[in-house]
Amino acid sequence: MSKFTNMLKHRRLQRKMSKADIARELGWTPMYYGRYENGYLIPTKANINKFAVFLNISESELENIINTSSEREEH
């Protein structure tokens, strides 16, 4: 798992919410959100803000985490 997916799961559990709860909060289907938490999707510029707010971090910090994780997976 990447740092990003670990952060998503940790924050969700910390808030005592299900994947469906988070999906509803973000305006997505549970399946769509689950694909992010399970590492099948990487956030695009269009939804970085939603994840940054959910994780309570800046967009630039989140982009750095995602880019660092992606670079490690390529090697």
N, C-alpha and C. Protein backbone atom coordinates (compact mmCIF):
# COMPACT_ATOMS: atom_id res chain seq x y z
N MET A 1 0.84 -1.20 0.00
CA MET A 1 0.00 0.00 0.00
C MET A 1 0.88 1.25 0.00
N SER A 2 0.39 2.27 -0.66
CA SER A 2 1.12 3.52 -0.71
C SER A 2 0.81 4.35 0.54
N LYS A 3 1.61 5.35 0.75
CA LYS A 3 1.37 6.25 1.89
C LYS A 3 -0.01 6.89 1.76
N PHE A 4 -0.38 7.27 0.54
CA PHE A 4 -1.68 7.89 0.31
C PHE A 4 -2.83 6.96 0.72
N THR A 5 -2.79 5.71 0.28
CA THR A 5 -3.88 4.79 0.63
C THR A 5 -3.91 4.51 2.12
N ASN A 6 -2.73 4.40 2.73
CA ASN A 6 -2.68 4.22 4.18
C ASN A 6 -3.29 5.41 4.91
N MET A 7 -3.00 6.61 4.41
CA MET A 7 -3.56 7.81 5.02
C MET A 7 -5.09 7.83 4.91
N LEU A 8 -5.60 7.45 3.75
CA LEU A 8 -7.05 7.43 3.57
C LEU A 8 -7.71 6.48 4.56
N LYS A 9 -7.18 5.27 4.64
CA LYS A 9 -7.77 4.28 5.52
C LYS A 9 -7.67 4.71 6.98
N HIS A 10 -6.51 5.21 7.37
CA HIS A 10 -6.31 5.65 8.75
C HIS A 10 -7.30 6.76 9.12
N ARG A 11 -7.42 7.74 8.24
CA ARG A 11 -8.33 8.88 8.51
C ARG A 11 -9.77 8.40 8.58
N ARG A 12 -10.16 7.50 7.69
CA ARG A 12 -11.54 6.97 7.70
C ARG A 12 -11.82 6.24 9.00
N LEU A 13 -10.90 5.39 9.42
CA LEU A 13 -11.09 4.64 10.67
C LEU A 13 -11.05 5.57 11.87
N GLN A 14 -10.20 6.57 11.82
CA GLN A 14 -10.10 7.56 12.89
C GLN A 14 -11.45 8.28 13.08
N ARG A 15 -12.11 8.53 11.98
CA ARG A 15 -13.41 9.20 12.02
C ARG A 15 -14.57 8.23 12.23
N LYS A 16 -14.24 6.94 12.35
CA LYS A 16 -15.24 5.88 12.56
C LYS A 16 -16.32 5.89 11.48
N MET A 17 -15.84 5.93 10.23
CA MET A 17 -16.73 5.98 9.09
C MET A 17 -16.48 4.80 8.17
N SER A 18 -17.51 4.40 7.46
CA SER A 18 -17.37 3.35 6.45
C SER A 18 -16.92 3.97 5.13
N LYS A 19 -16.53 3.12 4.20
CA LYS A 19 -16.18 3.61 2.87
C LYS A 19 -17.39 4.29 2.24
N ALA A 20 -18.58 3.75 2.48
CA ALA A 20 -19.80 4.34 1.93
C ALA A 20 -20.04 5.73 2.52
N ASP A 21 -19.76 5.90 3.81
CA ASP A 21 -19.92 7.21 4.45
C ASP A 21 -19.01 8.25 3.79
N ILE A 22 -17.76 7.86 3.60
CA ILE A 22 -16.79 8.79 2.99
C ILE A 22 -17.19 9.08 1.55
N ALA A 23 -17.59 8.06 0.82
CA ALA A 23 -18.00 8.25 -0.57
C ALA A 23 -19.15 9.26 -0.66
N ARG A 24 -20.11 9.11 0.22
CA ARG A 24 -21.25 10.02 0.25
C ARG A 24 -20.77 11.45 0.55
N GLU A 25 -19.85 11.58 1.49
CA GLU A 25 -19.30 12.90 1.85
C GLU A 25 -18.58 13.55 0.67
N LEU A 26 -17.91 12.73 -0.13
CA LEU A 26 -17.15 13.25 -1.27
C LEU A 26 -17.99 13.36 -2.55
N GLY A 27 -19.23 12.83 -2.51
CA GLY A 27 -20.09 12.91 -3.68
C GLY A 27 -19.84 11.82 -4.70
N TRP A 28 -19.30 10.69 -4.24
CA TRP A 28 -18.97 9.57 -5.11
C TRP A 28 -19.72 8.31 -4.70
N THR A 29 -19.61 7.28 -5.53
CA THR A 29 -20.16 5.97 -5.14
C THR A 29 -19.14 5.28 -4.23
N PRO A 30 -19.61 4.37 -3.38
CA PRO A 30 -18.67 3.63 -2.53
C PRO A 30 -17.61 2.88 -3.34
N MET A 31 -17.99 2.33 -4.48
CA MET A 31 -17.05 1.59 -5.32
C MET A 31 -15.95 2.52 -5.84
N TYR A 32 -16.33 3.71 -6.25
CA TYR A 32 -15.35 4.67 -6.77
C TYR A 32 -14.37 5.07 -5.68
N TYR A 33 -14.88 5.42 -4.50
CA TYR A 33 -13.98 5.78 -3.39
C TYR A 33 -13.08 4.59 -3.04
N GLY A 34 -13.65 3.41 -2.97
CA GLY A 34 -12.89 2.21 -2.62
C GLY A 34 -11.71 1.97 -3.53
N ARG A 35 -11.85 2.34 -4.78
CA ARG A 35 -10.75 2.15 -5.74
C ARG A 35 -9.55 3.03 -5.37
N TYR A 36 -9.80 4.18 -4.77
CA TYR A 36 -8.71 5.04 -4.29
C TYR A 36 -8.07 4.41 -3.05
N GLU A 37 -8.91 4.04 -2.09
CA GLU A 37 -8.38 3.50 -0.83
C GLU A 37 -7.65 2.17 -1.05
N ASN A 38 -8.05 1.42 -2.05
CA ASN A 38 -7.39 0.15 -2.35
C ASN A 38 -6.20 0.29 -3.30
N GLY A 39 -5.92 1.51 -3.73
CA GLY A 39 -4.74 1.77 -4.54
C GLY A 39 -4.90 1.55 -6.02
N TYR A 40 -6.13 1.40 -6.50
CA TYR A 40 -6.35 1.19 -7.94
C TYR A 40 -6.40 2.49 -8.72
N LEU A 41 -6.69 3.60 -8.04
CA LEU A 41 -6.74 4.90 -8.70
C LEU A 41 -5.83 5.88 -7.98
N ILE A 42 -5.26 6.79 -8.74
CA ILE A 42 -4.45 7.87 -8.19
C ILE A 42 -5.23 9.16 -8.42
N PRO A 43 -5.33 10.01 -7.40
CA PRO A 43 -6.11 11.25 -7.56
C PRO A 43 -5.60 12.12 -8.70
N THR A 44 -6.55 12.71 -9.40
CA THR A 44 -6.23 13.65 -10.46
C THR A 44 -6.25 15.06 -9.88
N LYS A 45 -5.80 16.01 -10.64
CA LYS A 45 -5.83 17.42 -10.20
C LYS A 45 -7.26 17.82 -9.82
N ALA A 46 -8.24 17.26 -10.51
CA ALA A 46 -9.63 17.63 -10.28
C ALA A 46 -10.14 17.23 -8.90
N ASN A 47 -9.58 16.18 -8.30
CA ASN A 47 -10.09 15.77 -6.99
C ASN A 47 -9.07 15.82 -5.86
N ILE A 48 -7.90 16.39 -6.12
CA ILE A 48 -6.88 16.56 -5.07
C ILE A 48 -7.47 17.37 -3.92
N ASN A 49 -8.23 18.42 -4.22
CA ASN A 49 -8.78 19.26 -3.17
C ASN A 49 -9.68 18.47 -2.23
N LYS A 50 -10.54 17.62 -2.76
CA LYS A 50 -11.44 16.83 -1.92
C LYS A 50 -10.66 15.95 -0.95
N PHE A 51 -9.61 15.31 -1.45
CA PHE A 51 -8.81 14.45 -0.59
C PHE A 51 -8.01 15.26 0.43
N ALA A 52 -7.50 16.41 0.01
CA ALA A 52 -6.73 17.26 0.93
C ALA A 52 -7.61 17.71 2.09
N VAL A 53 -8.83 18.11 1.79
CA VAL A 53 -9.76 18.52 2.85
C VAL A 53 -10.07 17.33 3.75
N PHE A 54 -10.36 16.19 3.17
CA PHE A 54 -10.67 14.99 3.95
C PHE A 54 -9.51 14.60 4.87
N LEU A 55 -8.28 14.69 4.35
CA LEU A 55 -7.10 14.31 5.11
C LEU A 55 -6.57 15.43 6.01
N ASN A 56 -7.13 16.62 5.84
CA ASN A 56 -6.75 17.79 6.63
C ASN A 56 -5.28 18.16 6.42
N ILE A 57 -4.88 18.16 5.14
CA ILE A 57 -3.53 18.58 4.77
C ILE A 57 -3.64 19.51 3.57
N SER A 58 -2.56 20.19 3.24
CA SER A 58 -2.58 21.10 2.09
C SER A 58 -2.56 20.30 0.78
N GLU A 59 -3.04 20.93 -0.26
CA GLU A 59 -3.03 20.28 -1.58
C GLU A 59 -1.60 20.00 -2.03
N SER A 60 -0.68 20.93 -1.78
CA SER A 60 0.71 20.73 -2.21
C SER A 60 1.35 19.57 -1.45
N GLU A 61 1.05 19.43 -0.16
CA GLU A 61 1.58 18.31 0.62
C GLU A 61 1.03 16.99 0.08
N LEU A 62 -0.26 16.97 -0.23
CA LEU A 62 -0.86 15.76 -0.77
C LEU A 62 -0.27 15.41 -2.13
N GLU A 63 -0.09 16.39 -3.00
CA GLU A 63 0.51 16.14 -4.31
C GLU A 63 1.91 15.57 -4.16
N ASN A 64 2.68 16.08 -3.20
CA ASN A 64 4.02 15.57 -2.95
C ASN A 64 3.98 14.11 -2.51
N ILE A 65 3.06 13.77 -1.62
CA ILE A 65 2.91 12.39 -1.14
C ILE A 65 2.55 11.47 -2.30
N ILE A 66 1.61 11.90 -3.13
CA ILE A 66 1.16 11.08 -4.27
C ILE A 66 2.30 10.91 -5.28
N ASN A 67 2.99 11.99 -5.60
CA ASN A 67 4.08 11.92 -6.57
C ASN A 67 5.23 11.05 -6.06
N THR A 68 5.54 11.15 -4.79
CA THR A 68 6.61 10.33 -4.19
C THR A 68 6.23 8.86 -4.24
N SER A 69 4.97 8.56 -3.90
CA SER A 69 4.49 7.17 -3.94
C SER A 69 4.53 6.62 -5.35
N SER A 70 4.11 7.42 -6.32
CA SER A 70 4.09 6.98 -7.72
C SER A 70 5.49 6.71 -8.24
N GLU A 71 6.45 7.55 -7.85
CA GLU A 71 7.83 7.37 -8.31
C GLU A 71 8.41 6.08 -7.76
N ARG A 72 8.09 5.73 -6.53
CA ARG A 72 8.62 4.50 -5.92
C ARG A 72 8.04 3.28 -6.63
N GLU A 73 6.77 3.33 -7.00
CA GLU A 73 6.11 2.20 -7.65
C GLU A 73 6.66 1.95 -9.05
N GLU A 74 7.19 3.01 -9.69
CA GLU A 74 7.73 2.87 -11.04
C GLU A 74 9.07 2.16 -11.04
N HIS A 75 9.80 2.21 -9.93
CA HIS A 75 11.15 1.61 -9.88
C HIS A 75 11.12 0.18 -9.49
